[in-house]
């Protein structure tokens, strides 16, 4: 069934329609939105606009029609990941680096965690969501660590509300470049990059509120190991915030620099804790071998 979004541009500055929509609809690339505009699927104040460069100046009602998405093959497949715990309403897994949580428009055929979950937990196939069954939060493809998955609609509703209300504590280990202060709070807003659509970037109070806190675990050779806690769950939040303060995550190809010592960003979701139905739950995922090796290689000799 075709989806239609009605949104209002509340800004006061003139802006290209495609750029405006890219900022308001962060889950879609600018090029995809340009295609919708050219296909006559975007109305501004009730009139079809087919030029992406059309300018909006503030207060316009914009109606975007999304065509029926192509079906994604979610045939259960055997995928390698560790199951940490299984509860009646949810399960906890340790996602390895290099594994996407769910299929995307750019990797529709790749094996994902969802394929593996459906293979091991057949009850997930009963969800109405036919692309992200049981998924209540995500980790980037090249970020490893602990992940919560709902087993039934009750679990998905409750956990989704807990994430939205920030009642779930998530802690990460990050290896960053340079020598950051021993502790800090980063509160730069985050929005979609206007040109490079796979990137986010920090904005001066014009994006979505994002709050990150960190403290030093260990200084290394021109690097540091940080314990990081996020108070919000924005896309690429830790990676963007660390880069914004001049201490990008080691190995982060998108926001930092490629490293010869590790093949991905050195970021790991190591701990999660929350209360569910009156019980306290706390889970840890050990630091993976590639990050342990990186720390040893960069450790300052005494």
Foldseek 3Di string as FASTA:
>chain_A
DKDKDKDFFADQAKDFQLLSVCFVPLQDFSVVVLVQLLVQQKDWQRHRHNHRRDIDRHGIIIMGIDDDDDDADLAADADDWAWDADDPWKTKTKFAAQAFQWADPVRRPDDHVSSNCCNVQVLQCPDPPPTRRQAQAGDPNRAIEMGMGTSDPVSNVVVNVCQVVLQKKWKKKFKWFADDPQKDKFWFAKTADSPPSVDIAGDHPPHHTWIKIWGFDADFQRITIIIIITSHRDVCRVQRRCLVVPIGFACDVPRDNHDPQAPHGQMYGAKMWGADPNDIDIDGDDRDPSNVSVCVVGHDDD
